[in-house]
Amino acid sequence: MNIVIAGGHGQIALRLARLLSGRGDTVRSLIRKPEQADAIRATGAQPVVLDLENASPEEVAERLGGADAAVFAAGAGPRSGVERKDTVDRGASVLLADAAGRAGVRTFVQISAMGVDQPPAPDAGEQWAAYVRAKHAAEEDLKARDLDWIIVRPGRLTDERGTGKITLGEPDVGYGEVTRDDVAATVAALLSASGAEHRTLDLINGETRITDAVAAL
């Protein structure tokens, strides 16, 4: 497959690019900063410098040319401020989905977050509330599009070594942790599977092998 990953320098994206390249896929990783290119090349992917907060749909569609799938793995980060929660977590996802439609890229995987369809708690901070609103809006935009979309909602992310075992299913599977390794491996498995289209999937660590959990969909 030929796959484009948005937010290519993110922690899940780097893991995903390495997995996909390792199995023989062609991977292009979209990054904001030229100095991030070496980290992308180290995964076996091709770096493509493109700022999704300022690019046009036509520019993004050009970068998606020839791709079989697009993965939105971008995020503004915990210290980015309220405004960038909207411009990245929502706006960049909408832009990538629009560009995918223009470029004829049918498969679109969006990495979201568990529980974003619920209102933020009253005592949640301003940035968390903005993040939840942005992720939910991005999901709703994608669901309305004529794409073969899959939304993956991980639980609390950790940097522990991947276990290869997960719980994967439509909400609500229960809140829990999941390693970034296992998120990347699950997305890689979903990209090469069939039958998961138009599904919103919660993801935490569990007792089922990733291949079996994806096959069960």
C-alpha atoms as a PDB file:
ATOM      1  CA  MET A   1       0.000   0.000   0.000  1.00  0.00           C
ATOM      2  CA  ASN A   2       0.869   3.635  -0.427  1.00  0.00           C
ATOM      3  CA  ILE A   3       0.005   5.492   2.785  1.00  0.00           C
ATOM      4  CA  VAL A   4       0.248   9.139   3.840  1.00  0.00           C
ATOM      5  CA  ILE A   5       0.467   9.969   7.554  1.00  0.00           C
ATOM      6  CA  ALA A   6      -0.394  13.469   8.754  1.00  0.00           C
ATOM      7  CA  GLY A   7       1.374  14.558  11.920  1.00  0.00           C
ATOM      8  CA  GLY A   8       4.285  12.393  10.887  1.00  0.00           C
ATOM      9  CA  HIS A   9       6.624  13.449  13.689  1.00  0.00           C
ATOM     10  CA  GLY A  10       4.191  12.462  16.438  1.00  0.00           C
ATOM     11  CA  GLN A  11       4.934   9.537  18.717  1.00  0.00           C
ATOM     12  CA  ILE A  12       2.270   7.220  17.303  1.00  0.00           C
ATOM     13  CA  ALA A  13       2.976   8.334  13.739  1.00  0.00           C
ATOM     14  CA  LEU A  14       6.681   7.503  13.989  1.00  0.00           C
ATOM     15  CA  ARG A  15       5.874   4.038  15.309  1.00  0.00           C
ATOM     16  CA  LEU A  16       3.269   3.518  12.593  1.00  0.00           C
ATOM     17  CA  ALA A  17       5.614   4.615   9.807  1.00  0.00           C
ATOM     18  CA  ARG A  18       8.252   2.174  11.011  1.00  0.00           C
ATOM     19  CA  LEU A  19       5.756  -0.706  11.069  1.00  0.00           C
ATOM     20  CA  LEU A  20       4.325   0.081   7.655  1.00  0.00           C
ATOM     21  CA  SER A  21       7.720   0.585   6.020  1.00  0.00           C
ATOM     22  CA  GLY A  22       8.966  -2.616   7.632  1.00  0.00           C
ATOM     23  CA  ARG A  23       6.204  -4.651   6.018  1.00  0.00           C
ATOM     24  CA  GLY A  24       6.888  -3.156   2.594  1.00  0.00           C
ATOM     25  CA  ASP A  25       4.384  -0.321   2.331  1.00  0.00           C
ATOM     26  CA  THR A  26       5.319   3.021   0.816  1.00  0.00           C
ATOM     27  CA  VAL A  27       4.913   5.736   3.443  1.00  0.00           C
ATOM     28  CA  ARG A  28       4.930   9.506   3.160  1.00  0.00           C
ATOM     29  CA  SER A  29       4.896  11.419   6.450  1.00  0.00           C
ATOM     30  CA  LEU A  30       3.672  15.022   6.488  1.00  0.00           C
ATOM     31  CA  ILE A  31       5.683  17.232   8.859  1.00  0.00           C
ATOM     32  CA  ARG A  32       5.718  20.948   9.709  1.00  0.00           C
ATOM     33  CA  LYS A  33       9.444  21.459  10.168  1.00  0.00           C
ATOM     34  CA  PRO A  34      12.322  20.505   7.841  1.00  0.00           C
ATOM     35  CA  GLU A  35      14.487  19.602  10.845  1.00  0.00           C
ATOM     36  CA  GLN A  36      12.103  16.702  11.560  1.00  0.00           C
ATOM     37  CA  ALA A  37      12.978  14.998   8.266  1.00  0.00           C
ATOM     38  CA  ASP A  38      15.834  12.838   9.586  1.00  0.00           C
ATOM     39  CA  ALA A  39      13.574  11.238  12.184  1.00  0.00           C
ATOM     40  CA  ILE A  40      11.115  10.389   9.412  1.00  0.00           C
ATOM     41  CA  ARG A  41      13.783   8.883   7.188  1.00  0.00           C
ATOM     42  CA  ALA A  42      14.951   6.729  10.096  1.00  0.00           C
ATOM     43  CA  THR A  43      11.541   4.997  10.049  1.00  0.00           C
ATOM     44  CA  GLY A  44      11.871   4.162   6.351  1.00  0.00           C
ATOM     45  CA  ALA A  45       9.263   6.766   5.354  1.00  0.00           C
ATOM     46  CA  GLN A  46       9.622   9.751   3.027  1.00  0.00           C
ATOM     47  CA  PRO A  47       9.345  13.149   4.744  1.00  0.00           C
ATOM     48  CA  VAL A  48       7.049  15.729   3.139  1.00  0.00           C
ATOM     49  CA  VAL A  49       7.189  19.234   4.613  1.00  0.00           C
ATOM     50  CA  LEU A  50       3.677  20.714   4.679  1.00  0.00           C
ATOM     51  CA  ASP A  51       2.044  22.914   7.315  1.00  0.00           C
ATOM     52  CA  LEU A  52      -1.568  21.720   7.613  1.00  0.00           C
ATOM     53  CA  GLU A  53      -2.528  24.880   9.488  1.00  0.00           C
ATOM     54  CA  ASN A  54      -1.715  27.019   6.452  1.00  0.00           C
ATOM     55  CA  ALA A  55      -1.921  24.780   3.387  1.00  0.00           C
ATOM     56  CA  SER A  56      -4.768  24.821   0.884  1.00  0.00           C
ATOM     57  CA  PRO A  57      -6.881  21.748   0.050  1.00  0.00           C
ATOM     58  CA  GLU A  58      -5.285  21.711  -3.393  1.00  0.00           C
ATOM     59  CA  GLU A  59      -1.773  21.646  -1.935  1.00  0.00           C
ATOM     60  CA  VAL A  60      -2.630  18.780   0.393  1.00  0.00           C
ATOM     61  CA  ALA A  61      -4.408  16.853  -2.378  1.00  0.00           C
ATOM     62  CA  GLU A  62      -1.259  17.101  -4.474  1.00  0.00           C
ATOM     63  CA  ARG A  63       0.782  15.532  -1.653  1.00  0.00           C
ATOM     64  CA  LEU A  64      -1.786  12.732  -1.400  1.00  0.00           C
ATOM     65  CA  GLY A  65      -1.515  11.852  -5.075  1.00  0.00           C
ATOM     66  CA  GLY A  66      -1.215   8.098  -5.660  1.00  0.00           C
ATOM     67  CA  ALA A  67      -1.987   7.175  -2.058  1.00  0.00           C
ATOM     68  CA  ASP A  68      -4.258   4.278  -1.115  1.00  0.00           C
ATOM     69  CA  ALA A  69      -4.925   5.562   2.397  1.00  0.00           C
ATOM     70  CA  ALA A  70      -4.471   8.590   4.644  1.00  0.00           C
ATOM     71  CA  VAL A  71      -3.969   8.521   8.405  1.00  0.00           C
ATOM     72  CA  PHE A  72      -4.633  11.564  10.560  1.00  0.00           C
ATOM     73  CA  ALA A  73      -2.282  11.251  13.531  1.00  0.00           C
ATOM     74  CA  ALA A  74      -1.697  14.954  14.141  1.00  0.00           C
ATOM     75  CA  GLY A  75      -2.330  16.828  17.363  1.00  0.00           C
ATOM     76  CA  ALA A  76      -1.538  20.261  18.708  1.00  0.00           C
ATOM     77  CA  GLY A  77       0.038  18.904  21.895  1.00  0.00           C
ATOM     78  CA  PRO A  78      -0.691  19.548  25.578  1.00  0.00           C
ATOM     79  CA  ARG A  79       0.899  23.009  25.758  1.00  0.00           C
ATOM     80  CA  SER A  80      -0.311  24.390  22.447  1.00  0.00           C
ATOM     81  CA  GLY A  81      -3.127  26.646  23.644  1.00  0.00           C
ATOM     82  CA  VAL A  82      -6.848  26.673  22.995  1.00  0.00           C
ATOM     83  CA  GLU A  83      -6.686  28.167  19.492  1.00  0.00           C
ATOM     84  CA  ARG A  84      -4.413  25.467  18.095  1.00  0.00           C
ATOM     85  CA  LYS A  85      -6.642  22.733  19.470  1.00  0.00           C
ATOM     86  CA  ASP A  86      -9.127  23.919  16.872  1.00  0.00           C
ATOM     87  CA  THR A  87      -6.723  24.632  14.014  1.00  0.00           C
ATOM     88  CA  VAL A  88      -4.883  21.307  14.350  1.00  0.00           C
ATOM     89  CA  ASP A  89      -7.094  18.711  16.054  1.00  0.00           C
ATOM     90  CA  ARG A  90     -10.160  19.788  14.086  1.00  0.00           C
ATOM     91  CA  GLY A  91      -9.047  22.014  11.228  1.00  0.00           C
ATOM     92  CA  ALA A  92      -6.148  19.898   9.981  1.00  0.00           C
ATOM     93  CA  SER A  93      -8.272  16.743  10.072  1.00  0.00           C
ATOM     94  CA  VAL A  94     -11.021  18.449   8.052  1.00  0.00           C
ATOM     95  CA  LEU A  95      -8.424  19.692   5.576  1.00  0.00           C
ATOM     96  CA  LEU A  96      -6.854  16.258   5.150  1.00  0.00           C
ATOM     97  CA  ALA A  97     -10.255  14.620   4.656  1.00  0.00           C
ATOM     98  CA  ASP A  98     -11.216  17.240   2.086  1.00  0.00           C
ATOM     99  CA  ALA A  99      -7.929  16.700   0.261  1.00  0.00           C
ATOM    100  CA  ALA A 100      -8.396  12.920   0.369  1.00  0.00           C
ATOM    101  CA  GLY A 101     -11.736  13.320  -1.390  1.00  0.00           C
ATOM    102  CA  ARG A 102     -10.182  15.543  -4.037  1.00  0.00           C
ATOM    103  CA  ALA A 103      -7.291  13.114  -4.588  1.00  0.00           C
ATOM    104  CA  GLY A 104      -9.477  10.015  -4.763  1.00  0.00           C
ATOM    105  CA  VAL A 105      -8.040   8.486  -1.575  1.00  0.00           C
ATOM    106  CA  ARG A 106     -10.872   6.342  -0.203  1.00  0.00           C
ATOM    107  CA  THR A 107      -9.438   4.953   3.049  1.00  0.00           C
ATOM    108  CA  PHE A 108      -9.078   7.435   5.907  1.00  0.00           C
ATOM    109  CA  VAL A 109      -8.093   6.499   9.453  1.00  0.00           C
ATOM    110  CA  GLN A 110      -8.510   9.176  12.098  1.00  0.00           C
ATOM    111  CA  ILE A 111      -6.783   8.752  15.466  1.00  0.00           C
ATOM    112  CA  SER A 112      -9.075  10.462  17.949  1.00  0.00           C
ATOM    113  CA  ALA A 113      -9.500   9.950  21.701  1.00  0.00           C
ATOM    114  CA  MET A 114     -11.801   7.974  23.941  1.00  0.00           C
ATOM    115  CA  GLY A 115     -14.828   9.792  25.317  1.00  0.00           C
ATOM    116  CA  VAL A 116     -14.792  12.866  23.077  1.00  0.00           C
ATOM    117  CA  ASP A 117     -18.491  12.419  22.311  1.00  0.00           C
ATOM    118  CA  GLN A 118     -19.231  13.252  25.963  1.00  0.00           C
ATOM    119  CA  PRO A 119     -19.252  16.838  27.297  1.00  0.00           C
ATOM    120  CA  PRO A 120     -16.117  17.761  29.250  1.00  0.00           C
ATOM    121  CA  ALA A 121     -16.459  17.579  33.017  1.00  0.00           C
ATOM    122  CA  PRO A 122     -17.431  20.913  34.621  1.00  0.00           C
ATOM    123  CA  ASP A 123     -14.052  21.095  36.352  1.00  0.00           C
ATOM    124  CA  ALA A 124     -12.066  20.298  33.194  1.00  0.00           C
ATOM    125  CA  GLY A 125      -9.544  22.909  32.241  1.00  0.00           C
ATOM    126  CA  GLU A 126     -10.068  25.241  29.296  1.00  0.00           C
ATOM    127  CA  GLN A 127      -7.502  23.457  27.132  1.00  0.00           C
ATOM    128  CA  TRP A 128      -8.980  20.012  27.781  1.00  0.00           C
ATOM    129  CA  ALA A 129     -12.466  21.255  26.964  1.00  0.00           C
ATOM    130  CA  ALA A 130     -11.163  22.775  23.715  1.00  0.00           C
ATOM    131  CA  TYR A 131      -9.414  19.510  22.851  1.00  0.00           C
ATOM    132  CA  VAL A 132     -12.588  17.470  23.391  1.00  0.00           C
ATOM    133  CA  ARG A 133     -14.655  19.877  21.296  1.00  0.00           C
ATOM    134  CA  ALA A 134     -12.089  19.828  18.482  1.00  0.00           C
ATOM    135  CA  LYS A 135     -11.761  16.041  18.370  1.00  0.00           C
ATOM    136  CA  HIS A 136     -15.532  15.568  18.461  1.00  0.00           C
ATOM    137  CA  ALA A 137     -16.029  18.083  15.646  1.00  0.00           C
ATOM    138  CA  ALA A 138     -13.357  16.331  13.559  1.00  0.00           C
ATOM    139  CA  GLU A 139     -15.114  13.005  14.057  1.00  0.00           C
ATOM    140  CA  GLU A 140     -18.496  14.427  13.061  1.00  0.00           C
ATOM    141  CA  ASP A 141     -17.032  16.017   9.938  1.00  0.00           C
ATOM    142  CA  LEU A 142     -15.414  12.752   8.872  1.00  0.00           C
ATOM    143  CA  LYS A 143     -18.563  10.696   9.445  1.00  0.00           C
ATOM    144  CA  ALA A 144     -20.450  12.923   7.018  1.00  0.00           C
ATOM    145  CA  ARG A 145     -17.985  12.326   4.193  1.00  0.00           C
ATOM    146  CA  ASP A 146     -18.103   9.811   1.364  1.00  0.00           C
ATOM    147  CA  LEU A 147     -14.906   8.091   2.442  1.00  0.00           C
ATOM    148  CA  ASP A 148     -14.129   4.637   3.837  1.00  0.00           C
ATOM    149  CA  TRP A 149     -13.356   6.133   7.217  1.00  0.00           C
ATOM    150  CA  ILE A 150     -12.328   4.462  10.462  1.00  0.00           C
ATOM    151  CA  ILE A 151     -12.108   6.368  13.739  1.00  0.00           C
ATOM    152  CA  VAL A 152      -9.795   4.906  16.376  1.00  0.00           C
ATOM    153  CA  ARG A 153     -10.237   6.177  19.933  1.00  0.00           C
ATOM    154  CA  PRO A 154      -7.362   5.119  22.199  1.00  0.00           C
ATOM    155  CA  GLY A 155      -7.613   5.262  25.967  1.00  0.00           C
ATOM    156  CA  ARG A 156      -4.896   6.860  28.076  1.00  0.00           C
ATOM    157  CA  LEU A 157      -1.650   6.566  26.144  1.00  0.00           C
ATOM    158  CA  THR A 158       1.504   5.131  27.683  1.00  0.00           C
ATOM    159  CA  ASP A 159       5.068   4.614  26.500  1.00  0.00           C
ATOM    160  CA  GLU A 160       5.369   1.078  27.866  1.00  0.00           C
ATOM    161  CA  ARG A 161       6.484  -1.665  25.496  1.00  0.00           C
ATOM    162  CA  GLY A 162       3.616  -2.922  23.353  1.00  0.00           C
ATOM    163  CA  THR A 163       1.843  -6.045  24.529  1.00  0.00           C
ATOM    164  CA  GLY A 164       0.302  -7.045  21.205  1.00  0.00           C
ATOM    165  CA  LYS A 165      -3.011  -7.600  23.004  1.00  0.00           C
ATOM    166  CA  ILE A 166      -5.955  -5.235  23.018  1.00  0.00           C
ATOM    167  CA  THR A 167      -9.652  -4.711  23.508  1.00  0.00           C
ATOM    168  CA  LEU A 168     -11.114  -3.141  20.363  1.00  0.00           C
ATOM    169  CA  GLY A 169     -14.764  -2.399  19.771  1.00  0.00           C
ATOM    170  CA  GLU A 170     -17.473   0.166  19.344  1.00  0.00           C
ATOM    171  CA  PRO A 171     -17.963   2.438  22.362  1.00  0.00           C
ATOM    172  CA  ASP A 172     -18.052   1.775  25.224  1.00  0.00           C
ATOM    173  CA  VAL A 173     -15.434  -0.926  25.928  1.00  0.00           C
ATOM    174  CA  GLY A 174     -14.528   0.658  29.278  1.00  0.00           C
ATOM    175  CA  TYR A 175     -11.826   3.171  30.032  1.00  0.00           C
ATOM    176  CA  GLY A 176      -8.213   2.034  30.329  1.00  0.00           C
ATOM    177  CA  GLU A 177      -4.657   2.476  29.151  1.00  0.00           C
ATOM    178  CA  VAL A 178      -3.081   1.504  25.850  1.00  0.00           C
ATOM    179  CA  THR A 179       0.530   1.693  24.725  1.00  0.00           C
ATOM    180  CA  ARG A 180       1.470   3.844  21.775  1.00  0.00           C
ATOM    181  CA  ASP A 181       3.133   0.753  20.300  1.00  0.00           C
ATOM    182  CA  ASP A 182      -0.187  -1.075  20.353  1.00  0.00           C
ATOM    183  CA  VAL A 183      -2.095   1.865  18.887  1.00  0.00           C
ATOM    184  CA  ALA A 184       0.319   1.979  15.959  1.00  0.00           C
ATOM    185  CA  ALA A 185       0.126  -1.782  15.464  1.00  0.00           C
ATOM    186  CA  THR A 186      -3.677  -1.672  15.542  1.00  0.00           C
ATOM    187  CA  VAL A 187      -3.846   1.096  12.951  1.00  0.00           C
ATOM    188  CA  ALA A 188      -1.433  -0.842  10.738  1.00  0.00           C
ATOM    189  CA  ALA A 189      -3.650  -3.913  11.014  1.00  0.00           C
ATOM    190  CA  LEU A 190      -6.795  -1.902  10.239  1.00  0.00           C
ATOM    191  CA  LEU A 191      -5.198  -0.449   7.108  1.00  0.00           C
ATOM    192  CA  SER A 192      -4.708  -3.917   5.635  1.00  0.00           C
ATOM    193  CA  ALA A 193      -8.051  -5.326   6.815  1.00  0.00           C
ATOM    194  CA  SER A 194     -11.555  -5.162   5.406  1.00  0.00           C
ATOM    195  CA  GLY A 195     -14.872  -4.761   7.165  1.00  0.00           C
ATOM    196  CA  ALA A 196     -13.915  -2.017   9.601  1.00  0.00           C
ATOM    197  CA  GLU A 197     -15.080   0.872   7.449  1.00  0.00           C
ATOM    198  CA  HIS A 198     -17.548   3.369   8.906  1.00  0.00           C
ATOM    199  CA  ARG A 199     -16.804   2.250  12.451  1.00  0.00           C
ATOM    200  CA  THR A 200     -15.824   4.203  15.553  1.00  0.00           C
ATOM    201  CA  LEU A 201     -13.612   1.977  17.677  1.00  0.00           C
ATOM    202  CA  ASP A 202     -12.479   2.314  21.279  1.00  0.00           C
ATOM    203  CA  LEU A 203      -9.027   0.857  21.918  1.00  0.00           C
ATOM    204  CA  ILE A 204      -7.363  -0.186  25.177  1.00  0.00           C
ATOM    205  CA  ASN A 205      -4.966  -2.940  26.151  1.00  0.00           C
ATOM    206  CA  GLY A 206      -6.667  -6.255  26.782  1.00  0.00           C
ATOM    207  CA  GLU A 207      -6.389  -9.992  26.262  1.00  0.00           C
ATOM    208  CA  THR A 208      -6.994 -10.387  22.507  1.00  0.00           C
ATOM    209  CA  ARG A 209      -4.207 -10.432  19.941  1.00  0.00           C
ATOM    210  CA  ILE A 210      -4.332  -7.418  17.642  1.00  0.00           C
ATOM    211  CA  THR A 211      -4.782  -9.520  14.493  1.00  0.00           C
ATOM    212  CA  ASP A 212      -7.641 -11.453  16.084  1.00  0.00           C
ATOM    213  CA  ALA A 213      -9.335  -8.299  17.404  1.00  0.00           C
ATOM    214  CA  VAL A 214      -9.224  -6.678  13.968  1.00  0.00           C
ATOM    215  CA  ALA A 215     -10.381  -9.849  12.231  1.00  0.00           C
ATOM    216  CA  ALA A 216     -13.355 -10.062  14.600  1.00  0.00           C
ATOM    217  CA  LEU A 217     -14.671  -6.755  13.250  1.00  0.00           C
END
